[in-house]
């Protein structure tokens, strides 16, 4: 299951991770975000132990959302060593996300 990432646990879970982190920034009311949810959940199982996969609700976590200048959702951030190394805006097929993540692991 994908981790729930919040403003409160962001530094610990994401910035201090020794693994690549994929974060799905989403909102309950966003149709394309809901389309990505099963893909993100599948990837969380498939990449367990190799990458950190999580979801951050933009409505409940404005600090992190603003920090990264997220204007459109869904936005997928790929973070490695505390830095954004790739980004995907909008709903895309699973193959697009796995290709990007595989290149970073």
Protein backbone atom coordinates (compact mmCIF):
# COMPACT_ATOMS: atom_id res chain seq x y z
CA UNK A 1 0.00 0.00 0.00
CA UNK A 2 1.24 3.49 -0.83
CA UNK A 3 2.40 5.54 2.15
CA UNK A 4 0.35 8.52 3.24
CA UNK A 5 2.68 11.50 3.04
CA UNK A 6 1.78 14.69 4.91
CA UNK A 7 3.33 18.07 5.67
CA UNK A 8 4.23 16.63 9.07
CA UNK A 9 6.07 13.48 7.91
CA UNK A 10 7.43 14.80 4.58
CA UNK A 11 11.02 15.46 5.73
CA UNK A 12 11.32 12.10 7.48
CA UNK A 13 9.69 9.96 4.79
CA UNK A 14 10.85 11.76 1.66
CA UNK A 15 13.84 14.03 2.21
CA UNK A 16 15.74 11.62 4.47
CA UNK A 17 15.00 8.51 2.39
CA UNK A 18 17.95 6.57 1.02
CA UNK A 19 15.69 5.29 -1.78
CA UNK A 20 14.04 7.00 -4.72
CA UNK A 21 10.66 8.40 -3.70
CA UNK A 22 7.63 8.63 -6.00
CA UNK A 23 4.95 10.97 -4.64
CA UNK A 24 1.50 11.22 -6.15
CA UNK A 25 0.10 14.68 -5.34
CA UNK A 26 -3.66 14.34 -5.64
CA UNK A 27 -7.08 15.42 -4.36
CA UNK A 28 -10.28 13.49 -3.69
CA UNK A 29 -12.31 15.64 -6.11
CA UNK A 30 -9.86 15.18 -9.02
CA UNK A 31 -11.04 12.61 -11.60
CA UNK A 32 -7.64 12.02 -13.26
CA UNK A 33 -6.13 11.64 -9.76
CA UNK A 34 -8.58 8.86 -8.96
CA UNK A 35 -7.59 7.13 -12.22
CA UNK A 36 -3.96 7.03 -11.04
CA UNK A 37 -4.73 5.65 -7.57
CA UNK A 38 -4.82 1.94 -8.54
CA UNK A 39 -1.61 2.36 -10.56
CA UNK A 40 0.20 3.99 -7.64
CA UNK A 41 -1.06 1.26 -5.28
CA UNK A 42 0.16 -1.49 -7.66
CA UNK A 43 3.55 0.18 -7.94
CA UNK A 44 3.82 0.44 -4.14
CA UNK A 45 3.58 -3.37 -3.95
CA UNK A 46 5.85 -4.02 -6.93
CA UNK A 47 8.61 -1.66 -5.78
CA UNK A 48 8.46 -2.49 -2.07
CA UNK A 49 12.00 -2.43 -0.67
CA UNK A 50 13.40 -0.76 -3.79
CA UNK A 51 11.59 2.60 -3.77
CA UNK A 52 9.26 4.60 -1.54
CA UNK A 53 5.83 5.15 -3.12
CA UNK A 54 3.43 7.55 -1.47
CA UNK A 55 0.45 9.83 -1.91
CA UNK A 56 0.02 13.39 -0.66
CA UNK A 57 -3.43 15.00 -0.55
CA UNK A 58 -2.89 18.59 -1.74
CA UNK A 59 -6.00 19.91 0.02
CA UNK A 60 -4.79 18.74 3.44
CA UNK A 61 -1.08 19.50 2.96
CA UNK A 62 -0.71 23.02 1.57
CA UNK A 63 2.82 23.54 2.93
CA UNK A 64 4.40 20.81 0.79
CA UNK A 65 2.18 21.60 -2.19
CA UNK A 66 3.28 25.26 -2.13
CA UNK A 67 6.93 24.40 -1.43
CA UNK A 68 7.14 22.54 -4.74
CA UNK A 69 4.95 24.98 -6.67
CA UNK A 70 2.39 22.36 -7.62
CA UNK A 71 -0.32 24.05 -9.68
CA UNK A 72 -1.86 21.10 -11.52
CA UNK A 73 -2.86 17.68 -10.27
CA UNK A 74 -2.21 14.89 -10.51
CA UNK A 75 1.50 15.63 -10.28
CA UNK A 76 3.98 12.83 -9.71
CA UNK A 77 7.32 13.88 -8.22
CA UNK A 78 10.38 11.66 -8.30
CA UNK A 79 12.78 12.60 -5.50
CA UNK A 80 16.26 11.20 -4.97
CA UNK A 81 18.67 12.45 -2.34
CA UNK A 82 16.26 15.18 -1.30
CA UNK A 83 16.09 16.65 -4.83
CA UNK A 84 13.35 16.48 -7.47
CA UNK A 85 14.94 14.52 -10.30
CA UNK A 86 11.86 14.03 -12.49
CA UNK A 87 8.21 15.07 -12.64
CA UNK A 88 5.07 13.96 -14.44
CA UNK A 89 1.97 16.16 -14.64
CA UNK A 90 -1.36 14.62 -15.57
CA UNK A 91 -2.68 11.08 -15.67
CA UNK A 92 -0.45 8.73 -17.68
CA UNK A 93 -0.26 4.98 -18.25
CA UNK A 94 1.59 2.88 -15.68
CA UNK A 95 4.36 2.14 -18.21
CA UNK A 96 5.35 5.83 -18.25
CA UNK A 97 5.77 5.93 -14.47
CA UNK A 98 7.60 2.60 -14.21
CA UNK A 99 10.02 3.62 -16.97
CA UNK A 100 10.87 6.84 -15.15
CA UNK A 101 11.19 5.09 -11.78
CA UNK A 102 13.29 2.24 -13.17
CA UNK A 103 15.73 4.76 -14.66
CA UNK A 104 16.29 6.27 -11.20
CA UNK A 105 16.68 3.12 -9.11
